[in-house]
Amino acid sequence: MQAYILINCQTGREANLISELKELSEITEINGIWGKYDIFLKVSTSDPIGVEQIVKRLRNHPDVVDTYTMHVLYGQGGTIDDE
């Protein structure tokens, strides 16, 4: 299962949080971003429970203020290389 997660974090904690999250094997991409959210994650797990566990972990992290999770719909799109 794939999901994209947007994170708001405590001001000034972006770099530390990114470094910490890079250690999670389920996170396949992580970027600091500008705008309403601070961090973009691409998550890949073998089942939906794995995504739920990542989201719970993020929401319990002291530097995370808010998250927004978007689950990927399979069969609708993909990478440019897939088409």
PDB file of N, CA and C in Angstrom:
ATOM      1  N   MET A   1       0.841  -1.167   0.000  1.00  0.00           N
ATOM      2  CA  MET A   1       0.000   0.000   0.000  1.00  0.00           C
ATOM      3  C   MET A   1       0.889   1.232   0.000  1.00  0.00           C
ATOM      4  N   GLN A   2       0.510   2.204  -0.807  1.00  0.00           N
ATOM      5  CA  GLN A   2       1.244   3.463  -0.841  1.00  0.00           C
ATOM      6  C   GLN A   2       0.364   4.583  -0.314  1.00  0.00           C
ATOM      7  N   ALA A   3       1.017   5.549   0.315  1.00  0.00           N
ATOM      8  CA  ALA A   3       0.323   6.741   0.793  1.00  0.00           C
ATOM      9  C   ALA A   3       1.297   7.908   0.763  1.00  0.00           C
ATOM     10  N   TYR A   4       0.716   9.084   0.636  1.00  0.00           N
ATOM     11  CA  TYR A   4       1.478  10.322   0.757  1.00  0.00           C
ATOM     12  C   TYR A   4       1.018  10.988   2.034  1.00  0.00           C
ATOM     13  N   ILE A   5       1.969  11.483   2.806  1.00  0.00           N
ATOM     14  CA  ILE A   5       1.630  12.127   4.071  1.00  0.00           C
ATOM     15  C   ILE A   5       2.277  13.501   4.110  1.00  0.00           C
ATOM     16  N   LEU A   6       1.474  14.500   4.428  1.00  0.00           N
ATOM     17  CA  LEU A   6       1.958  15.862   4.624  1.00  0.00           C
ATOM     18  C   LEU A   6       2.013  16.116   6.122  1.00  0.00           C
ATOM     19  N   ILE A   7       3.068  16.789   6.567  1.00  0.00           N
ATOM     20  CA  ILE A   7       3.288  17.014   8.001  1.00  0.00           C
ATOM     21  C   ILE A   7       3.516  18.488   8.277  1.00  0.00           C
ATOM     22  N   ASN A   8       2.875  18.983   9.317  1.00  0.00           N
ATOM     23  CA  ASN A   8       3.221  20.267   9.931  1.00  0.00           C
ATOM     24  C   ASN A   8       4.001  19.930  11.186  1.00  0.00           C
ATOM     25  N   CYS A   9       5.120  20.623  11.389  1.00  0.00           N
ATOM     26  CA  CYS A   9       5.902  20.354  12.586  1.00  0.00           C
ATOM     27  C   CYS A   9       6.192  21.641  13.343  1.00  0.00           C
ATOM     28  N   GLN A  10       6.741  21.481  14.525  1.00  0.00           N
ATOM     29  CA  GLN A  10       7.126  22.633  15.335  1.00  0.00           C
ATOM     30  C   GLN A  10       8.136  23.467  14.549  1.00  0.00           C
ATOM     31  N   THR A  11       7.989  24.773  14.617  1.00  0.00           N
ATOM     32  CA  THR A  11       8.879  25.684  13.902  1.00  0.00           C
ATOM     33  C   THR A  11      10.335  25.411  14.264  1.00  0.00           C
ATOM     34  N   GLY A  12      11.157  25.267  13.234  1.00  0.00           N
ATOM     35  CA  GLY A  12      12.584  25.052  13.434  1.00  0.00           C
ATOM     36  C   GLY A  12      12.982  23.602  13.645  1.00  0.00           C
ATOM     37  N   ARG A  13      12.014  22.690  13.677  1.00  0.00           N
ATOM     38  CA  ARG A  13      12.310  21.278  13.936  1.00  0.00           C
ATOM     39  C   ARG A  13      12.309  20.433  12.656  1.00  0.00           C
ATOM     40  N   GLU A  14      12.121  21.081  11.505  1.00  0.00           N
ATOM     41  CA  GLU A  14      11.996  20.362  10.238  1.00  0.00           C
ATOM     42  C   GLU A  14      13.198  19.459   9.950  1.00  0.00           C
ATOM     43  N   ALA A  15      14.386  20.014   9.998  1.00  0.00           N
ATOM     44  CA  ALA A  15      15.598  19.249   9.657  1.00  0.00           C
ATOM     45  C   ALA A  15      15.792  18.059  10.594  1.00  0.00           C
ATOM     46  N   ASN A  16      15.570  18.263  11.889  1.00  0.00           N
ATOM     47  CA  ASN A  16      15.720  17.163  12.850  1.00  0.00           C
ATOM     48  C   ASN A  16      14.699  16.065  12.607  1.00  0.00           C
ATOM     49  N   LEU A  17      13.457  16.470  12.328  1.00  0.00           N
ATOM     50  CA  LEU A  17      12.406  15.497  12.092  1.00  0.00           C
ATOM     51  C   LEU A  17      12.682  14.709  10.809  1.00  0.00           C
ATOM     52  N   ILE A  18      13.114  15.387   9.763  1.00  0.00           N
ATOM     53  CA  ILE A  18      13.455  14.709   8.509  1.00  0.00           C
ATOM     54  C   ILE A  18      14.566  13.689   8.744  1.00  0.00           C
ATOM     55  N   SER A  19      15.597  14.067   9.463  1.00  0.00           N
ATOM     56  CA  SER A  19      16.707  13.142   9.756  1.00  0.00           C
ATOM     57  C   SER A  19      16.215  11.910  10.506  1.00  0.00           C
ATOM     58  N   GLU A  20      15.328  12.123  11.454  1.00  0.00           N
ATOM     59  CA  GLU A  20      14.796  11.010  12.241  1.00  0.00           C
ATOM     60  C   GLU A  20      13.913  10.091  11.381  1.00  0.00           C
ATOM     61  N   LEU A  21      13.065  10.688  10.557  1.00  0.00           N
ATOM     62  CA  LEU A  21      12.139   9.899   9.744  1.00  0.00           C
ATOM     63  C   LEU A  21      12.839   9.130   8.629  1.00  0.00           C
ATOM     64  N   LYS A  22      13.993   9.589   8.190  1.00  0.00           N
ATOM     65  CA  LYS A  22      14.758   8.882   7.156  1.00  0.00           C
ATOM     66  C   LYS A  22      15.126   7.466   7.589  1.00  0.00           C
ATOM     67  N   GLU A  23      15.137   7.220   8.878  1.00  0.00           N
ATOM     68  CA  GLU A  23      15.509   5.908   9.412  1.00  0.00           C
ATOM     69  C   GLU A  23      14.399   4.873   9.255  1.00  0.00           C
ATOM     70  N   LEU A  24      13.164   5.299   8.973  1.00  0.00           N
ATOM     71  CA  LEU A  24      12.056   4.363   8.841  1.00  0.00           C
ATOM     72  C   LEU A  24      12.059   3.749   7.440  1.00  0.00           C
ATOM     73  N   SER A  25      12.132   2.440   7.367  1.00  0.00           N
ATOM     74  CA  SER A  25      12.240   1.760   6.072  1.00  0.00           C
ATOM     75  C   SER A  25      10.987   1.929   5.212  1.00  0.00           C
ATOM     76  N   GLU A  26       9.838   2.181   5.813  1.00  0.00           N
ATOM     77  CA  GLU A  26       8.595   2.336   5.061  1.00  0.00           C
ATOM     78  C   GLU A  26       8.530   3.661   4.289  1.00  0.00           C
ATOM     79  N   ILE A  27       9.359   4.608   4.677  1.00  0.00           N
ATOM     80  CA  ILE A  27       9.378   5.906   4.000  1.00  0.00           C
ATOM     81  C   ILE A  27      10.314   5.808   2.808  1.00  0.00           C
ATOM     82  N   THR A  28       9.733   5.945   1.608  1.00  0.00           N
ATOM     83  CA  THR A  28      10.519   5.797   0.383  1.00  0.00           C
ATOM     84  C   THR A  28      10.964   7.142  -0.178  1.00  0.00           C
ATOM     85  N   GLU A  29      10.350   8.221   0.288  1.00  0.00           N
ATOM     86  CA  GLU A  29      10.752   9.564  -0.138  1.00  0.00           C
ATOM     87  C   GLU A  29      10.366  10.539   0.960  1.00  0.00           C
ATOM     88  N   ILE A  30      11.223  11.515   1.189  1.00  0.00           N
ATOM     89  CA  ILE A  30      10.941  12.543   2.197  1.00  0.00           C
ATOM     90  C   ILE A  30      11.560  13.848   1.719  1.00  0.00           C
ATOM     91  N   ASN A  31      10.779  14.909   1.800  1.00  0.00           N
ATOM     92  CA  ASN A  31      11.256  16.229   1.373  1.00  0.00           C
ATOM     93  C   ASN A  31      10.691  17.317   2.269  1.00  0.00           C
ATOM     94  N   GLY A  32      11.513  18.301   2.560  1.00  0.00           N
ATOM     95  CA  GLY A  32      11.017  19.522   3.174  1.00  0.00           C
ATOM     96  C   GLY A  32      10.333  20.333   2.079  1.00  0.00           C
ATOM     97  N   ILE A  33       9.214  20.955   2.396  1.00  0.00           N
ATOM     98  CA  ILE A  33       8.467  21.720   1.395  1.00  0.00           C
ATOM     99  C   ILE A  33       8.030  23.064   1.973  1.00  0.00           C
ATOM    100  N   TRP A  34       7.709  23.993   1.083  1.00  0.00           N
ATOM    101  CA  TRP A  34       7.157  25.285   1.483  1.00  0.00           C
ATOM    102  C   TRP A  34       5.661  25.274   1.257  1.00  0.00           C
ATOM    103  N   GLY A  35       4.949  26.012   2.056  1.00  0.00           N
ATOM    104  CA  GLY A  35       3.502  26.100   1.912  1.00  0.00           C
ATOM    105  C   GLY A  35       2.822  25.791   3.222  1.00  0.00           C
ATOM    106  N   LYS A  36       1.603  25.283   3.120  1.00  0.00           N
ATOM    107  CA  LYS A  36       0.807  24.981   4.309  1.00  0.00           C
ATOM    108  C   LYS A  36       1.463  23.905   5.169  1.00  0.00           C
ATOM    109  N   TYR A  37       2.156  22.968   4.527  1.00  0.00           N
ATOM    110  CA  TYR A  37       2.815  21.883   5.242  1.00  0.00           C
ATOM    111  C   TYR A  37       4.326  22.036   5.146  1.00  0.00           C
ATOM    112  N   ASP A  38       5.038  21.353   6.042  1.00  0.00           N
ATOM    113  CA  ASP A  38       6.491  21.477   6.140  1.00  0.00           C
ATOM    114  C   ASP A  38       7.258  20.306   5.526  1.00  0.00           C
ATOM    115  N   ILE A  39       6.657  19.116   5.576  1.00  0.00           N
ATOM    116  CA  ILE A  39       7.351  17.905   5.146  1.00  0.00           C
ATOM    117  C   ILE A  39       6.405  17.046   4.322  1.00  0.00           C
ATOM    118  N   PHE A  40       6.944  16.458   3.235  1.00  0.00           N
ATOM    119  CA  PHE A  40       6.216  15.540   2.367  1.00  0.00           C
ATOM    120  C   PHE A  40       6.833  14.158   2.515  1.00  0.00           C
ATOM    121  N   LEU A  41       6.001  13.139   2.754  1.00  0.00           N
ATOM    122  CA  LEU A  41       6.466  11.756   2.844  1.00  0.00           C
ATOM    123  C   LEU A  41       5.769  10.898   1.803  1.00  0.00           C
ATOM    124  N   LYS A  42       6.497   9.983   1.224  1.00  0.00           N
ATOM    125  CA  LYS A  42       5.906   8.914   0.424  1.00  0.00           C
ATOM    126  C   LYS A  42       6.164   7.632   1.204  1.00  0.00           C
ATOM    127  N   VAL A  43       5.100   6.909   1.499  1.00  0.00           N
ATOM    128  CA  VAL A  43       5.186   5.723   2.345  1.00  0.00           C
ATOM    129  C   VAL A  43       4.747   4.504   1.546  1.00  0.00           C
ATOM    130  N   SER A  44       5.443   3.402   1.715  1.00  0.00           N
ATOM    131  CA  SER A  44       5.080   2.152   1.057  1.00  0.00           C
ATOM    132  C   SER A  44       5.144   1.024   2.086  1.00  0.00           C
ATOM    133  N   THR A  45       4.004   0.328   2.257  1.00  0.00           N
ATOM    134  CA  THR A  45       3.938  -0.789   3.201  1.00  0.00           C
ATOM    135  C   THR A  45       3.257  -1.972   2.520  1.00  0.00           C
ATOM    136  N   SER A  46       3.363  -3.135   3.130  1.00  0.00           N
ATOM    137  CA  SER A  46       2.756  -4.330   2.550  1.00  0.00           C
ATOM    138  C   SER A  46       1.254  -4.404   2.791  1.00  0.00           C
ATOM    139  N   ASP A  47       0.740  -3.614   3.742  1.00  0.00           N
ATOM    140  CA  ASP A  47      -0.693  -3.630   4.016  1.00  0.00           C
ATOM    141  C   ASP A  47      -1.143  -2.297   4.617  1.00  0.00           C
ATOM    142  N   PRO A  48      -2.448  -2.042   4.652  1.00  0.00           N
ATOM    143  CA  PRO A  48      -2.958  -0.771   5.186  1.00  0.00           C
ATOM    144  C   PRO A  48      -2.619  -0.540   6.659  1.00  0.00           C
ATOM    145  N   ILE A  49      -2.471  -1.606   7.414  1.00  0.00           N
ATOM    146  CA  ILE A  49      -2.132  -1.473   8.831  1.00  0.00           C
ATOM    147  C   ILE A  49      -0.765  -0.802   8.987  1.00  0.00           C
ATOM    148  N   GLY A  50       0.147  -1.073   8.066  1.00  0.00           N
ATOM    149  CA  GLY A  50       1.471  -0.450   8.118  1.00  0.00           C
ATOM    150  C   GLY A  50       1.392   1.055   7.983  1.00  0.00           C
ATOM    151  N   VAL A  51       0.543   1.536   7.079  1.00  0.00           N
ATOM    152  CA  VAL A  51       0.355   2.983   6.927  1.00  0.00           C
ATOM    153  C   VAL A  51      -0.251   3.559   8.207  1.00  0.00           C
ATOM    154  N   GLU A  52      -1.237   2.861   8.759  1.00  0.00           N
ATOM    155  CA  GLU A  52      -1.874   3.310   9.998  1.00  0.00           C
ATOM    156  C   GLU A  52      -0.854   3.424  11.138  1.00  0.00           C
ATOM    157  N   GLN A  53       0.058   2.466  11.221  1.00  0.00           N
ATOM    158  CA  GLN A  53       1.084   2.504  12.268  1.00  0.00           C
ATOM    159  C   GLN A  53       2.020   3.694  12.089  1.00  0.00           C
ATOM    160  N   ILE A  54       2.393   3.999  10.851  1.00  0.00           N
ATOM    161  CA  ILE A  54       3.247   5.159  10.586  1.00  0.00           C
ATOM    162  C   ILE A  54       2.524   6.435  11.002  1.00  0.00           C
ATOM    163  N   VAL A  55       1.254   6.560  10.625  1.00  0.00           N
ATOM    164  CA  VAL A  55       0.483   7.761  10.968  1.00  0.00           C
ATOM    165  C   VAL A  55       0.359   7.905  12.480  1.00  0.00           C
ATOM    166  N   LYS A  56       0.075   6.829  13.185  1.00  0.00           N
ATOM    167  CA  LYS A  56      -0.015   6.881  14.658  1.00  0.00           C
ATOM    168  C   LYS A  56       1.317   7.328  15.259  1.00  0.00           C
ATOM    169  N   ARG A  57       2.400   6.775  14.725  1.00  0.00           N
ATOM    170  CA  ARG A  57       3.730   7.147  15.226  1.00  0.00           C
ATOM    171  C   ARG A  57       3.989   8.637  15.011  1.00  0.00           C
ATOM    172  N   LEU A  58       3.638   9.136  13.821  1.00  0.00           N
ATOM    173  CA  LEU A  58       3.826  10.557  13.534  1.00  0.00           C
ATOM    174  C   LEU A  58       2.990  11.434  14.465  1.00  0.00           C
ATOM    175  N   ARG A  59       1.733  11.074  14.640  1.00  0.00           N
ATOM    176  CA  ARG A  59       0.834  11.885  15.463  1.00  0.00           C
ATOM    177  C   ARG A  59       1.243  11.917  16.928  1.00  0.00           C
ATOM    178  N   ASN A  60       1.973  10.896  17.369  1.00  0.00           N
ATOM    179  CA  ASN A  60       2.456  10.868  18.755  1.00  0.00           C
ATOM    180  C   ASN A  60       3.822  11.516  18.926  1.00  0.00           C
ATOM    181  N   HIS A  61       4.449  11.921  17.832  1.00  0.00           N
ATOM    182  CA  HIS A  61       5.778  12.534  17.897  1.00  0.00           C
ATOM    183  C   HIS A  61       5.642  13.962  18.437  1.00  0.00           C
ATOM    184  N   PRO A  62       6.480  14.353  19.398  1.00  0.00           N
ATOM    185  CA  PRO A  62       6.345  15.688  19.996  1.00  0.00           C
ATOM    186  C   PRO A  62       6.586  16.856  19.042  1.00  0.00           C
ATOM    187  N   ASP A  63       7.300  16.630  17.940  1.00  0.00           N
ATOM    188  CA  ASP A  63       7.567  17.712  16.988  1.00  0.00           C
ATOM    189  C   ASP A  63       6.505  17.823  15.892  1.00  0.00           C
ATOM    190  N   VAL A  64       5.594  16.857  15.815  1.00  0.00           N
ATOM    191  CA  VAL A  64       4.558  16.865  14.784  1.00  0.00           C
ATOM    192  C   VAL A  64       3.311  17.569  15.324  1.00  0.00           C
ATOM    193  N   VAL A  65       2.870  18.582  14.584  1.00  0.00           N
ATOM    194  CA  VAL A  65       1.680  19.352  14.964  1.00  0.00           C
ATOM    195  C   VAL A  65       0.432  18.791  14.279  1.00  0.00           C
ATOM    196  N   ASP A  66       0.567  18.411  12.992  1.00  0.00           N
ATOM    197  CA  ASP A  66      -0.589  17.974  12.213  1.00  0.00           C
ATOM    198  C   ASP A  66      -0.112  17.101  11.062  1.00  0.00           C
ATOM    199  N   THR A  67      -0.977  16.165  10.625  1.00  0.00           N
ATOM    200  CA  THR A  67      -0.676  15.351   9.446  1.00  0.00           C
ATOM    201  C   THR A  67      -1.897  15.311   8.534  1.00  0.00           C
ATOM    202  N   TYR A  68      -1.639  15.038   7.266  1.00  0.00           N
ATOM    203  CA  TYR A  68      -2.697  14.848   6.277  1.00  0.00           C
ATOM    204  C   TYR A  68      -2.273  13.673   5.413  1.00  0.00           C
ATOM    205  N   THR A  69      -3.054  12.592   5.426  1.00  0.00           N
ATOM    206  CA  THR A  69      -2.686  11.360   4.733  1.00  0.00           C
ATOM    207  C   THR A  69      -3.557  11.162   3.499  1.00  0.00           C
ATOM    208  N   MET A  70      -2.908  10.807   2.391  1.00  0.00           N
ATOM    209  CA  MET A  70      -3.608  10.527   1.139  1.00  0.00           C
ATOM    210  C   MET A  70      -3.209   9.129   0.675  1.00  0.00           C
ATOM    211  N   HIS A  71      -4.166   8.193   0.663  1.00  0.00           N
ATOM    212  CA  HIS A  71      -3.900   6.832   0.203  1.00  0.00           C
ATOM    213  C   HIS A  71      -3.956   6.793  -1.315  1.00  0.00           C
ATOM    214  N   VAL A  72      -3.050   6.038  -1.924  1.00  0.00           N
ATOM    215  CA  VAL A  72      -2.992   5.909  -3.381  1.00  0.00           C
ATOM    216  C   VAL A  72      -4.077   4.940  -3.842  1.00  0.00           C
ATOM    217  N   LEU A  73      -4.790   5.309  -4.923  1.00  0.00           N
ATOM    218  CA  LEU A  73      -5.759   4.428  -5.565  1.00  0.00           C
ATOM    219  C   LEU A  73      -5.041   3.685  -6.683  1.00  0.00           C
ATOM    220  N   TYR A  74      -4.926   2.382  -6.551  1.00  0.00           N
ATOM    221  CA  TYR A  74      -4.229   1.591  -7.566  1.00  0.00           C
ATOM    222  C   TYR A  74      -5.059   1.514  -8.835  1.00  0.00           C
ATOM    223  N   GLY A  75      -4.388   1.528  -9.959  1.00  0.00           N
ATOM    224  CA  GLY A  75      -5.053   1.445 -11.239  1.00  0.00           C
ATOM    225  C   GLY A  75      -5.468   2.796 -11.795  1.00  0.00           C
ATOM    226  N   GLN A  76      -5.181   3.849 -11.060  1.00  0.00           N
ATOM    227  CA  GLN A  76      -5.506   5.201 -11.518  1.00  0.00           C
ATOM    228  C   GLN A  76      -4.235   6.033 -11.510  1.00  0.00           C
ATOM    229  N   GLY A  77      -3.503   5.980 -12.598  1.00  0.00           N
ATOM    230  CA  GLY A  77      -2.276   6.765 -12.688  1.00  0.00           C
ATOM    231  C   GLY A  77      -1.064   5.904 -12.449  1.00  0.00           C
ATOM    232  N   GLY A  78      -0.065   6.471 -11.895  1.00  0.00           N
ATOM    233  CA  GLY A  78       1.210   5.811 -11.683  1.00  0.00           C
ATOM    234  C   GLY A  78       2.302   6.744 -12.152  1.00  0.00           C
ATOM    235  N   THR A  79       3.501   6.233 -12.220  1.00  0.00           N
ATOM    236  CA  THR A  79       4.601   7.057 -12.692  1.00  0.00           C
ATOM    237  C   THR A  79       4.525   7.202 -14.194  1.00  0.00           C
ATOM    238  N   ILE A  80       5.209   8.163 -14.736  1.00  0.00           N
ATOM    239  CA  ILE A  80       5.258   8.380 -16.176  1.00  0.00           C
ATOM    240  C   ILE A  80       5.786   7.131 -16.872  1.00  0.00           C
ATOM    241  N   ASP A  81       6.730   6.431 -16.245  1.00  0.00           N
ATOM    242  CA  ASP A  81       7.321   5.225 -16.824  1.00  0.00           C
ATOM    243  C   ASP A  81       6.311   4.087 -16.928  1.00  0.00           C
ATOM    244  N   ASP A  82       5.264   4.100 -16.078  1.00  0.00           N
ATOM    245  CA  ASP A  82       4.255   3.045 -16.092  1.00  0.00           C
ATOM    246  C   ASP A  82       3.303   3.143 -17.273  1.00  0.00           C
ATOM    247  N   GLU A  83       3.229   4.310 -17.883  1.00  0.00           N
ATOM    248  CA  GLU A  83       2.236   4.532 -18.944  1.00  0.00           C
ATOM    249  C   GLU A  83       2.774   4.260 -20.310  1.00  0.00           C
TER     250      GLU A  83
END
